[in-house]
């Protein structure tokens, strides 16, 4: 065995080397149990994750000689951070909110870096850690809320392209009406699924560039308009093909293939923009020169391993972190077997056809809207009183809200249908078990037409007007009652030209006070 090989073996077999190897194995096992590895290999939005994470690790390894001097972090803070990550992991398994588990694993990685090199190493690894954070799916409803406006812009630009090519199209939100055909630019096929992969690549490119900070930020931020532009072009191409009678292009393999073509073209545009910026704003002669790392003559990662192997406090901290990681893996495996209750209830198909003099006519949503909502069952009906006034009632019930199966907020869905939210204020609804609760009141307009909407969420016997609070309460609900079911309730009425918003408000609040009395039978407390 050569001297170099013997030295490598000695360093890897040091106490620290063994600890780090075991932590890597445990971390990968947790990622597998949590489903993060599946997300990073199978999902359309984050299927680039494993490759991008590996590239980030390689870039850190390549730049390791630029690190500051390593000094072990505080033992107390290491334990606090690791235990917080463990609690987040347990919360993830109880509630079924997978992203909590992903963030817990990310937090354990940050804690490991801190325990090895303190805050100085964390500063060195700040950008790589933030890039990895981009590879973790955003929790619902945050992700939908952030991309909703981008979807609307994509649809508007897509219609502009269609009209440029002579197509006749009318746009209402994300619905393209082409006469004989309507295209719904739904979340599942909006093309914005490539926003996060492109942003990740932009962040990696910015990290690699030897350029001023503003140049790096420009390369990262330009990915957003590039994605919107390319998605608009994709919508336009799909619309043109449908207008020519080729509706098969909107689904199946061709739809998937067209999506990847869009992503590749978007990546080429990103590379071209980066090259142009390098030529204009730096002294580099080529893009390759700008991203090439000039490695110092001395030092290596293995030297750092040897250095830390002689540092007993560092080994002790990493040993404690390994123990917490093993506990986290065990908790993940055990809690993954937990059984959740699906309570008995009456089916929504049997919801009363008359409430306090209001008689209903039950309708069905379009199949594509049903698929996007993903509810276990739903009720969608129009109630009418003797004066001819109408109130639409929509209830979507989810037997489980685990793994992202959550109600879609009207604040996202209604603008997608062409409506504009003009105000969003709280409203008190009475009649719920002798008490009252707070719901959301949306005033929405489309042209001269205005509608008033009340909506809220129900989990067990608790009502919520805030989606984020409801998601966090899901942890308590799952832990204490072993349930993860929930529902969205939405009531809508038109504001006639001859009446005021106050008139519609009285009508809706009066109906809601009677309507909520029936909910417990169909949405169990």
Protein backbone atom coordinates (compact mmCIF):
# COMPACT_ATOMS: atom_id res chain seq x y z
CA UNK A 1 0.00 0.00 0.00
CA UNK A 2 1.36 3.42 -0.95
CA UNK A 3 2.04 6.10 1.65
CA UNK A 4 -0.84 8.27 0.37
CA UNK A 5 -3.28 5.36 0.48
CA UNK A 6 -2.18 4.45 3.98
CA UNK A 7 -2.61 8.06 5.09
CA UNK A 8 -6.08 8.19 3.55
CA UNK A 9 -7.10 4.96 5.30
CA UNK A 10 -5.73 6.22 8.62
CA UNK A 11 -7.69 9.48 8.39
CA UNK A 12 -10.92 7.82 7.35
CA UNK A 13 -10.62 5.26 10.16
CA UNK A 14 -10.00 7.94 12.76
CA UNK A 15 -12.75 8.39 15.41
CA UNK A 16 -14.03 11.48 13.64
CA UNK A 17 -13.97 9.78 10.24
CA UNK A 18 -16.00 6.86 11.59
CA UNK A 19 -18.47 9.21 13.29
CA UNK A 20 -18.95 11.21 10.09
CA UNK A 21 -19.46 8.04 8.05
CA UNK A 22 -22.08 6.77 10.47
CA UNK A 23 -23.87 10.14 10.48
CA UNK A 24 -23.96 10.10 6.67
CA UNK A 25 -25.52 6.62 6.68
CA UNK A 26 -28.09 7.63 9.33
CA UNK A 27 -28.95 10.86 7.50
CA UNK A 28 -29.49 9.00 4.23
CA UNK A 29 -31.68 6.46 6.05
CA UNK A 30 -33.80 9.27 7.53
CA UNK A 31 -34.09 10.89 4.07
CA UNK A 32 -35.25 7.56 2.66
CA UNK A 33 -37.81 6.92 5.42
CA UNK A 34 -39.16 10.47 5.16
CA UNK A 35 -39.56 10.10 1.40
CA UNK A 36 -37.16 12.93 0.55
CA UNK A 37 -35.07 10.67 -1.68
CA UNK A 38 -38.23 9.74 -3.58
CA UNK A 39 -39.12 13.42 -3.96
CA UNK A 40 -35.58 14.11 -5.22
CA UNK A 41 -35.76 11.37 -7.83
CA UNK A 42 -39.42 11.04 -8.86
CA UNK A 43 -41.27 14.36 -8.54
CA UNK A 44 -41.48 16.69 -11.53
CA UNK A 45 -40.82 19.83 -9.49
CA UNK A 46 -37.91 18.51 -7.41
CA UNK A 47 -36.62 15.53 -9.39
CA UNK A 48 -33.35 17.41 -9.80
CA UNK A 49 -32.81 17.48 -6.03
CA UNK A 50 -30.40 14.57 -5.57
CA UNK A 51 -28.20 15.66 -8.46
CA UNK A 52 -28.22 19.31 -7.32
CA UNK A 53 -27.44 18.34 -3.71
CA UNK A 54 -24.53 16.18 -4.87
CA UNK A 55 -23.23 19.07 -7.01
CA UNK A 56 -23.41 21.44 -4.03
CA UNK A 57 -21.46 18.97 -1.88
CA UNK A 58 -18.80 18.69 -4.61
CA UNK A 59 -18.52 22.47 -4.90
CA UNK A 60 -18.06 22.75 -1.12
CA UNK A 61 -15.40 20.04 -1.25
CA UNK A 62 -13.66 21.89 -4.08
CA UNK A 63 -13.65 25.16 -2.10
CA UNK A 64 -12.84 23.63 1.26
CA UNK A 65 -9.38 25.21 1.40
CA UNK A 66 -11.05 28.64 1.58
CA UNK A 67 -12.70 27.72 4.89
CA UNK A 68 -11.91 29.68 8.03
CA UNK A 69 -10.17 28.09 10.98
CA UNK A 70 -12.36 25.40 12.54
CA UNK A 71 -13.42 25.75 16.16
CA UNK A 72 -16.04 23.53 17.79
CA UNK A 73 -19.43 25.03 18.52
CA UNK A 74 -21.06 25.23 21.93
CA UNK A 75 -22.13 21.86 23.35
CA UNK A 76 -25.30 23.33 24.84
CA UNK A 77 -26.36 25.04 21.59
CA UNK A 78 -25.54 21.87 19.62
CA UNK A 79 -27.89 19.84 21.81
CA UNK A 80 -30.64 22.50 21.69
CA UNK A 81 -30.52 22.72 17.87
CA UNK A 82 -30.47 18.94 17.48
CA UNK A 83 -33.40 18.44 19.87
CA UNK A 84 -35.41 21.14 18.07
CA UNK A 85 -34.81 19.29 14.78
CA UNK A 86 -35.89 16.05 16.49
CA UNK A 87 -39.13 17.66 17.71
CA UNK A 88 -39.80 18.94 14.19
CA UNK A 89 -39.27 15.43 12.87
CA UNK A 90 -41.72 13.98 15.40
CA UNK A 91 -44.23 16.72 14.50
CA UNK A 92 -43.85 15.75 10.84
CA UNK A 93 -44.66 12.11 11.50
CA UNK A 94 -47.63 12.95 13.74
CA UNK A 95 -49.22 15.48 11.39
CA UNK A 96 -48.17 13.95 8.08
CA UNK A 97 -46.71 17.31 7.00
CA UNK A 98 -43.73 15.83 5.18
CA UNK A 99 -41.87 19.11 4.72
CA UNK A 100 -41.46 19.43 8.50
CA UNK A 101 -39.39 16.26 8.35
CA UNK A 102 -37.35 17.58 5.43
CA UNK A 103 -36.63 20.80 7.32
CA UNK A 104 -35.70 18.72 10.38
CA UNK A 105 -33.11 16.82 8.36
CA UNK A 106 -31.79 20.12 6.99
CA UNK A 107 -31.63 21.45 10.55
CA UNK A 108 -29.62 18.42 11.68
CA UNK A 109 -27.17 19.10 8.84
CA UNK A 110 -26.79 22.72 9.96
CA UNK A 111 -26.30 21.51 13.54
CA UNK A 112 -23.58 19.11 12.40
CA UNK A 113 -21.73 21.92 10.64
CA UNK A 114 -22.00 24.11 13.73
CA UNK A 115 -20.78 21.37 16.06
CA UNK A 116 -17.72 20.80 13.84
CA UNK A 117 -16.71 24.39 13.03
CA UNK A 118 -18.88 26.82 14.98
CA UNK A 119 -20.40 29.97 13.48
CA UNK A 120 -17.36 30.56 11.26
CA UNK A 121 -18.01 27.30 9.38
CA UNK A 122 -21.74 28.11 9.17
CA UNK A 123 -20.91 31.43 7.49
CA UNK A 124 -18.69 29.58 5.02
CA UNK A 125 -21.50 27.10 4.26
CA UNK A 126 -24.35 29.65 4.30
CA UNK A 127 -24.92 29.77 0.52
CA UNK A 128 -24.71 25.96 0.04
CA UNK A 129 -27.20 25.45 2.87
CA UNK A 130 -29.57 28.01 1.33
CA UNK A 131 -29.28 26.28 -2.06
CA UNK A 132 -30.21 22.95 -0.47
CA UNK A 133 -33.18 24.73 1.15
CA UNK A 134 -34.41 25.53 -2.38
CA UNK A 135 -34.48 21.78 -3.05
CA UNK A 136 -37.05 21.21 -0.30
CA UNK A 137 -40.72 21.50 -1.35
CA UNK A 138 -42.56 24.49 0.06
CA UNK A 139 -45.40 23.57 2.43
CA UNK A 140 -49.02 24.07 1.41
CA UNK A 141 -50.50 26.63 1.08
CA UNK A 142 -47.31 28.73 0.98
CA UNK A 143 -46.08 27.30 -2.33
CA UNK A 144 -49.42 27.86 -4.08
CA UNK A 145 -49.71 31.41 -2.72
CA UNK A 146 -46.21 32.34 -3.92
CA UNK A 147 -46.71 31.05 -7.46
CA UNK A 148 -50.37 32.09 -7.94
CA UNK A 149 -49.53 35.53 -9.34
CA UNK A 150 -46.81 34.06 -11.56
CA UNK A 151 -49.44 31.70 -12.99
CA UNK A 152 -51.71 34.62 -13.83
CA UNK A 153 -48.86 36.46 -15.55
CA UNK A 154 -48.01 33.33 -17.54
CA UNK A 155 -51.60 33.02 -18.68
CA UNK A 156 -51.76 36.70 -19.73
CA UNK A 157 -48.53 36.49 -21.72
CA UNK A 158 -49.64 33.16 -23.20
CA UNK A 159 -52.85 34.78 -24.47
CA UNK A 160 -50.80 37.64 -25.90
CA UNK A 161 -48.70 35.13 -27.86
CA UNK A 162 -51.83 33.33 -29.07
CA UNK A 163 -53.39 36.54 -30.34
CA UNK A 164 -50.08 37.45 -31.97
CA UNK A 165 -50.43 34.29 -34.06
CA UNK A 166 -54.02 35.12 -34.95
CA UNK A 167 -55.83 32.83 -32.51
CA UNK A 168 -59.15 33.95 -31.03
CA UNK A 169 -59.01 33.52 -27.26
CA UNK A 170 -60.65 35.01 -24.19
CA UNK A 171 -58.91 34.89 -20.80
CA UNK A 172 -60.56 34.62 -17.40
CA UNK A 173 -57.83 34.20 -14.78
CA UNK A 174 -56.12 30.95 -15.75
CA UNK A 175 -58.94 29.76 -18.03
CA UNK A 176 -58.37 30.19 -21.78
CA UNK A 177 -61.62 30.13 -23.72
CA UNK A 178 -60.93 29.32 -27.39
CA UNK A 179 -64.54 29.02 -28.48
CA UNK A 180 -65.00 25.26 -28.84
CA UNK A 181 -62.33 24.43 -26.25
CA UNK A 182 -61.41 25.71 -22.82
CA UNK A 183 -57.90 25.26 -21.38
CA UNK A 184 -57.46 25.42 -17.62
CA UNK A 185 -53.89 26.36 -16.76
CA UNK A 186 -54.11 24.43 -13.50
CA UNK A 187 -51.38 24.13 -10.89
CA UNK A 188 -50.53 20.63 -12.02
CA UNK A 189 -49.77 21.64 -15.62
CA UNK A 190 -48.84 25.31 -15.39
CA UNK A 191 -45.20 24.84 -16.34
CA UNK A 192 -44.19 26.72 -13.19
CA UNK A 193 -43.11 23.33 -11.87
CA UNK A 194 -39.79 24.22 -13.51
CA UNK A 195 -39.43 27.42 -11.50
CA UNK A 196 -37.70 25.77 -8.56
CA UNK A 197 -35.29 23.62 -10.63
CA UNK A 198 -34.27 26.69 -12.62
CA UNK A 199 -33.92 28.79 -9.47
CA UNK A 200 -31.71 26.06 -7.97
CA UNK A 201 -29.51 26.04 -11.07
CA UNK A 202 -29.35 29.85 -10.99
CA UNK A 203 -28.30 29.75 -7.33
CA UNK A 204 -25.59 27.15 -8.07
CA UNK A 205 -24.35 29.20 -11.02
CA UNK A 206 -24.23 32.32 -8.84
CA UNK A 207 -22.26 30.40 -6.20
CA UNK A 208 -19.75 29.21 -8.80
CA UNK A 209 -19.22 32.62 -10.43
CA UNK A 210 -16.08 34.59 -9.64
CA UNK A 211 -17.87 37.94 -9.92
CA UNK A 212 -19.36 40.79 -7.93
CA UNK A 213 -22.24 40.01 -5.58
CA UNK A 214 -24.80 41.86 -7.72
CA UNK A 215 -23.86 39.73 -10.74
CA UNK A 216 -24.47 36.55 -8.75
CA UNK A 217 -27.84 37.83 -7.54
CA UNK A 218 -28.81 38.83 -11.09
CA UNK A 219 -28.09 35.30 -12.36
CA UNK A 220 -30.27 33.87 -9.58
CA UNK A 221 -33.21 36.30 -9.89
CA UNK A 222 -33.42 36.23 -13.69
CA UNK A 223 -34.66 32.63 -13.44
CA UNK A 224 -38.10 33.94 -12.39
CA UNK A 225 -38.90 36.02 -15.53
CA UNK A 226 -37.30 33.33 -17.71
CA UNK A 227 -39.65 30.70 -16.25
CA UNK A 228 -42.73 32.92 -16.65
CA UNK A 229 -41.79 33.76 -20.25
CA UNK A 230 -41.14 30.15 -21.25
CA UNK A 231 -44.29 28.94 -19.54
CA UNK A 232 -46.26 31.58 -21.45
CA UNK A 233 -44.74 30.34 -24.69
CA UNK A 234 -45.64 26.78 -23.75
CA UNK A 235 -49.25 27.78 -23.05
CA UNK A 236 -49.39 29.54 -26.42
CA UNK A 237 -47.98 26.52 -28.30
CA UNK A 238 -50.45 24.21 -26.54
CA UNK A 239 -53.31 26.58 -27.40
CA UNK A 240 -52.27 26.74 -31.07
CA UNK A 241 -52.09 22.93 -31.29
CA UNK A 242 -55.52 22.60 -29.66
CA UNK A 243 -56.89 25.24 -32.04
CA UNK A 244 -55.59 23.09 -34.91
CA UNK A 245 -57.44 20.07 -33.50
CA UNK A 246 -54.48 18.36 -31.81
CA UNK A 247 -55.88 18.12 -28.28
CA UNK A 248 -53.69 15.09 -27.49
CA UNK A 249 -50.80 17.53 -27.05
CA UNK A 250 -52.33 18.74 -23.78
CA UNK A 251 -51.76 15.45 -21.95
CA UNK A 252 -49.71 12.28 -21.92
CA UNK A 253 -46.20 11.83 -23.27
CA UNK A 254 -46.27 14.77 -25.67
CA UNK A 255 -47.26 17.13 -22.84
CA UNK A 256 -44.42 15.73 -20.70
CA UNK A 257 -41.94 16.00 -23.60
CA UNK A 258 -42.98 19.57 -24.38
CA UNK A 259 -42.42 20.43 -20.72
CA UNK A 260 -38.85 19.15 -20.77
CA UNK A 261 -38.17 21.01 -24.01
CA UNK A 262 -39.36 24.20 -22.29
CA UNK A 263 -37.03 23.56 -19.35
CA UNK A 264 -34.02 22.89 -21.58
CA UNK A 265 -34.67 26.06 -23.58
CA UNK A 266 -35.07 28.01 -20.33
CA UNK A 267 -31.72 26.63 -19.13
CA UNK A 268 -30.05 27.66 -22.41
CA UNK A 269 -31.46 31.18 -21.98
CA UNK A 270 -30.07 31.26 -18.43
CA UNK A 271 -26.63 30.20 -19.68
CA UNK A 272 -26.78 32.86 -22.41
CA UNK A 273 -27.75 35.58 -19.93
CA UNK A 274 -24.93 34.53 -17.58
CA UNK A 275 -22.41 34.59 -20.45
CA UNK A 276 -23.56 38.06 -21.51
CA UNK A 277 -23.33 39.36 -17.94
CA UNK A 278 -19.84 37.90 -17.54
CA UNK A 279 -18.66 39.63 -20.72
CA UNK A 280 -20.19 42.97 -19.72
CA UNK A 281 -19.59 43.11 -15.97
CA UNK A 282 -16.38 41.13 -15.35
CA UNK A 283 -12.81 40.91 -16.63
CA UNK A 284 -13.13 37.24 -17.56
CA UNK A 285 -12.67 36.28 -21.20
CA UNK A 286 -15.14 33.39 -21.09
CA UNK A 287 -17.91 31.89 -19.00
CA UNK A 288 -15.79 28.84 -18.29
CA UNK A 289 -13.06 31.02 -16.84
CA UNK A 290 -15.62 32.84 -14.67
CA UNK A 291 -16.89 29.63 -13.08
CA UNK A 292 -13.53 27.86 -12.77
CA UNK A 293 -12.34 27.62 -9.19
CA UNK A 294 -8.65 28.27 -8.64
CA UNK A 295 -7.63 25.84 -5.93
CA UNK A 296 -4.92 26.90 -3.45
CA UNK A 297 -1.67 24.97 -3.50
CA UNK A 298 -1.97 23.39 -0.05
CA UNK A 299 -4.53 21.88 2.29
CA UNK A 300 -7.35 19.36 1.83
CA UNK A 301 -10.50 18.06 3.40
CA UNK A 302 -8.57 15.10 4.78
CA UNK A 303 -6.18 17.48 6.52
CA UNK A 304 -9.22 18.96 8.25
CA UNK A 305 -10.34 15.48 9.28
CA UNK A 306 -6.91 14.83 10.76
CA UNK A 307 -7.03 18.23 12.50
CA UNK A 308 -10.43 17.58 14.03
CA UNK A 309 -9.61 13.97 14.93
CA UNK A 310 -7.23 15.35 17.54
CA UNK A 311 -9.95 17.65 18.92
CA UNK A 312 -11.74 15.71 21.66
CA UNK A 313 -14.52 18.28 22.17
CA UNK A 314 -15.42 18.10 18.47
CA UNK A 315 -15.58 14.30 18.59
CA UNK A 316 -17.76 14.45 21.70
CA UNK A 317 -20.21 16.87 20.09
CA UNK A 318 -20.45 14.84 16.92
CA UNK A 319 -20.94 11.70 19.00
CA UNK A 320 -23.88 13.33 20.79
CA UNK A 321 -25.30 14.48 17.44
CA UNK A 322 -24.95 10.93 16.09
CA UNK A 323 -26.92 9.65 19.08
CA UNK A 324 -29.69 12.19 18.48
CA UNK A 325 -29.73 11.30 14.77
CA UNK A 326 -30.12 7.60 15.63
CA UNK A 327 -33.01 8.48 17.97
CA UNK A 328 -34.51 10.56 15.13
CA UNK A 329 -34.27 7.59 12.77
CA UNK A 330 -35.92 5.31 15.34
CA UNK A 331 -38.71 7.84 15.97
CA UNK A 332 -39.26 8.20 12.23
CA UNK A 333 -39.60 4.44 11.80
CA UNK A 334 -41.90 3.96 14.81
CA UNK A 335 -44.16 6.93 14.18
CA UNK A 336 -44.46 5.94 10.54
CA UNK A 337 -46.49 2.94 11.75
CA UNK A 338 -48.99 5.07 13.69
CA UNK A 339 -52.63 4.43 12.78
CA UNK A 340 -54.87 7.43 12.23
CA UNK A 341 -58.64 7.40 12.70
CA UNK A 342 -61.04 8.18 9.87
CA UNK A 343 -64.22 9.12 11.76
CA UNK A 344 -67.64 7.92 10.76
CA UNK A 345 -69.96 10.50 9.28
CA UNK A 346 -72.86 10.97 6.93
CA UNK A 347 -71.91 11.33 3.24
CA UNK A 348 -72.01 14.84 1.77
CA UNK A 349 -74.32 13.52 -0.95
CA UNK A 350 -77.01 13.43 1.76
CA UNK A 351 -76.52 17.07 2.77
CA UNK A 352 -79.92 18.75 3.42
CA UNK A 353 -81.70 20.02 0.33
CA UNK A 354 -83.48 22.74 2.31
CA UNK A 355 -82.13 25.02 5.05
CA UNK A 356 -84.33 27.65 6.71
CA UNK A 357 -86.44 28.13 3.56
CA UNK A 358 -83.48 27.98 1.16
CA UNK A 359 -83.83 25.11 -1.33
CA UNK A 360 -80.79 23.64 -3.08
CA UNK A 361 -79.91 22.27 -6.48
CA UNK A 362 -76.81 20.05 -6.40
CA UNK A 363 -74.20 20.48 -9.15
CA UNK A 364 -70.88 18.88 -10.08
CA UNK A 365 -67.54 20.57 -10.65
CA UNK A 366 -65.64 20.05 -13.93
CA UNK A 367 -63.54 16.87 -13.74
CA UNK A 368 -60.25 18.76 -14.05
CA UNK A 369 -61.24 20.97 -11.08
CA UNK A 370 -62.21 17.87 -9.08
CA UNK A 371 -58.81 16.32 -9.79
CA UNK A 372 -56.97 19.52 -8.83
CA UNK A 373 -58.90 19.86 -5.55
CA UNK A 374 -58.22 16.22 -4.67
CA UNK A 375 -60.94 16.03 -1.99
CA UNK A 376 -62.18 12.70 -0.63
CA UNK A 377 -65.71 13.96 -1.28
CA UNK A 378 -67.37 17.31 -1.79
CA UNK A 379 -70.71 19.11 -1.91
CA UNK A 380 -71.41 21.82 -4.48
CA UNK A 381 -74.92 23.23 -4.59
CA UNK A 382 -76.94 26.40 -5.21
CA UNK A 383 -79.44 27.42 -2.53
CA UNK A 384 -82.34 29.71 -3.56
CA UNK A 385 -84.93 31.49 -1.41
CA UNK A 386 -88.46 32.66 -2.23
CA UNK A 387 -87.16 36.05 -3.44
CA UNK A 388 -84.95 34.35 -6.04
CA UNK A 389 -81.67 35.17 -4.24
CA UNK A 390 -78.91 32.57 -4.68
CA UNK A 391 -76.13 31.32 -2.40
CA UNK A 392 -73.60 28.78 -3.64
CA UNK A 393 -72.27 26.37 -1.00
CA UNK A 394 -69.09 24.37 -1.47
CA UNK A 395 -67.71 21.86 1.05
CA UNK A 396 -64.57 19.86 0.33
CA UNK A 397 -63.77 17.10 2.85
CA UNK A 398 -60.42 15.33 3.20
CA UNK A 399 -60.27 12.07 5.14
CA UNK A 400 -56.59 12.76 5.69
CA UNK A 401 -54.47 15.87 5.21
CA UNK A 402 -51.21 13.97 5.32
CA UNK A 403 -48.60 14.40 2.58
CA UNK A 404 -49.93 17.64 1.16
CA UNK A 405 -53.58 16.62 0.71
CA UNK A 406 -55.05 19.90 1.95
CA UNK A 407 -57.90 22.21 0.92
CA UNK A 408 -57.09 24.78 -1.75
CA UNK A 409 -57.50 28.32 -0.52
CA UNK A 410 -60.13 30.41 -2.39
CA UNK A 411 -57.59 33.25 -2.28
CA UNK A 412 -55.60 31.22 -4.82
CA UNK A 413 -58.37 29.44 -6.75
CA UNK A 414 -60.78 32.34 -7.33
CA UNK A 415 -58.23 34.68 -9.01
CA UNK A 416 -57.29 31.70 -11.19
CA UNK A 417 -60.87 31.76 -12.49
CA UNK A 418 -60.59 35.40 -13.50
CA UNK A 419 -61.88 37.05 -10.33
CA UNK A 420 -59.98 39.85 -8.58
CA UNK A 421 -59.96 40.07 -4.78
CA UNK A 422 -60.94 43.63 -3.82
CA UNK A 423 -61.00 43.20 -0.04
CA UNK A 424 -60.28 40.50 2.54
CA UNK A 425 -61.72 41.10 6.01
CA UNK A 426 -62.77 38.89 8.94
CA UNK A 427 -66.43 38.15 9.67
CA UNK A 428 -68.08 36.59 12.72
CA UNK A 429 -70.45 33.67 12.07
CA UNK A 430 -72.93 32.77 14.80
CA UNK A 431 -74.92 29.61 15.44
CA UNK A 432 -72.00 27.17 15.86
CA UNK A 433 -72.86 25.05 18.95
CA UNK A 434 -74.37 28.10 20.61
CA UNK A 435 -71.29 30.23 20.02
CA UNK A 436 -69.53 31.93 17.15
CA UNK A 437 -66.24 31.84 15.22
CA UNK A 438 -64.28 34.00 12.81
CA UNK A 439 -64.25 33.33 9.06
CA UNK A 440 -62.82 35.14 6.01
CA UNK A 441 -64.94 37.57 3.98
CA UNK A 442 -63.75 38.21 0.43
CA UNK A 443 -65.21 40.86 -1.86
CA UNK A 444 -64.39 39.75 -5.40
CA UNK A 445 -65.03 41.40 -8.73
CA UNK A 446 -64.89 40.55 -12.42
CA UNK A 447 -65.81 43.44 -14.66
CA UNK A 448 -69.03 44.92 -13.31
CA UNK A 449 -69.99 41.73 -11.48
CA UNK A 450 -69.23 41.46 -7.74
CA UNK A 451 -69.60 38.55 -5.38
CA UNK A 452 -69.24 38.14 -1.63
CA UNK A 453 -67.54 35.03 -0.26
CA UNK A 454 -67.27 33.58 3.25
CA UNK A 455 -64.86 30.72 3.81
CA UNK A 456 -63.19 28.90 6.68
CA UNK A 457 -61.52 25.60 7.56
CA UNK A 458 -62.77 22.93 9.97
CA UNK A 459 -60.61 20.38 11.80
CA UNK A 460 -62.56 18.40 14.37
CA UNK A 461 -64.52 20.85 16.51
CA UNK A 462 -62.25 23.80 15.68
CA UNK A 463 -62.84 26.43 13.00
CA UNK A 464 -59.98 28.38 11.38
CA UNK A 465 -59.83 31.41 9.14
CA UNK A 466 -56.04 31.09 8.74
CA UNK A 467 -54.64 28.23 6.67
CA UNK A 468 -51.22 28.38 8.34
CA UNK A 469 -52.71 28.10 11.85
CA UNK A 470 -54.80 25.15 10.69
CA UNK A 471 -51.72 23.37 9.36
CA UNK A 472 -49.85 23.83 12.63
CA UNK A 473 -52.89 22.73 14.65
CA UNK A 474 -52.87 19.54 12.60
CA UNK A 475 -49.90 18.43 14.76
CA UNK A 476 -52.01 18.70 17.94
CA UNK A 477 -55.01 17.14 16.21
CA UNK A 478 -52.99 14.12 15.06
CA UNK A 479 -51.10 13.67 18.33
CA UNK A 480 -54.06 13.95 20.70
CA UNK A 481 -56.99 12.64 18.64
CA UNK A 482 -55.13 10.50 16.05
CA UNK A 483 -57.03 12.26 13.26
CA UNK A 484 -55.85 14.27 10.27
CA UNK A 485 -59.17 14.88 8.51
CA UNK A 486 -60.35 18.38 7.65
CA UNK A 487 -62.61 20.43 5.42
CA UNK A 488 -63.00 23.73 3.61
CA UNK A 489 -66.40 25.47 3.67
CA UNK A 490 -67.17 28.28 1.23
CA UNK A 491 -70.36 30.30 0.76
CA UNK A 492 -70.80 32.67 -2.19
CA UNK A 493 -73.53 35.13 -3.20
CA UNK A 494 -73.79 37.64 -6.04
CA UNK A 495 -74.17 41.35 -5.25
CA UNK A 496 -76.90 42.61 -7.54
CA UNK A 497 -76.62 46.06 -9.08
CA UNK A 498 -79.68 47.16 -7.11
CA UNK A 499 -78.23 46.20 -3.72
CA UNK A 500 -75.25 47.10 -1.55
CA UNK A 501 -72.52 44.95 -0.08
CA UNK A 502 -74.28 45.30 3.30
CA UNK A 503 -77.42 43.71 1.81
CA UNK A 504 -75.40 40.75 0.54
CA UNK A 505 -73.56 40.54 3.85
CA UNK A 506 -76.81 40.26 5.82
CA UNK A 507 -78.08 37.58 3.44
CA UNK A 508 -74.88 35.54 3.65
CA UNK A 509 -74.41 35.87 7.41
CA UNK A 510 -78.06 34.92 8.06
CA UNK A 511 -77.77 31.84 5.86
CA UNK A 512 -74.38 30.90 7.37
CA UNK A 513 -75.85 30.98 10.91
CA UNK A 514 -78.36 28.28 9.86
CA UNK A 515 -75.96 26.41 7.56
CA UNK A 516 -73.32 25.71 10.25
CA UNK A 517 -75.88 23.90 12.44
CA UNK A 518 -75.82 20.96 10.00
CA UNK A 519 -72.05 20.65 9.58
CA UNK A 520 -71.26 18.33 12.50
CA UNK A 521 -73.17 15.41 10.97
CA UNK A 522 -71.26 15.62 7.70
CA UNK A 523 -67.94 17.01 8.96
CA UNK A 524 -67.36 15.21 12.28
CA UNK A 525 -66.34 17.24 15.36
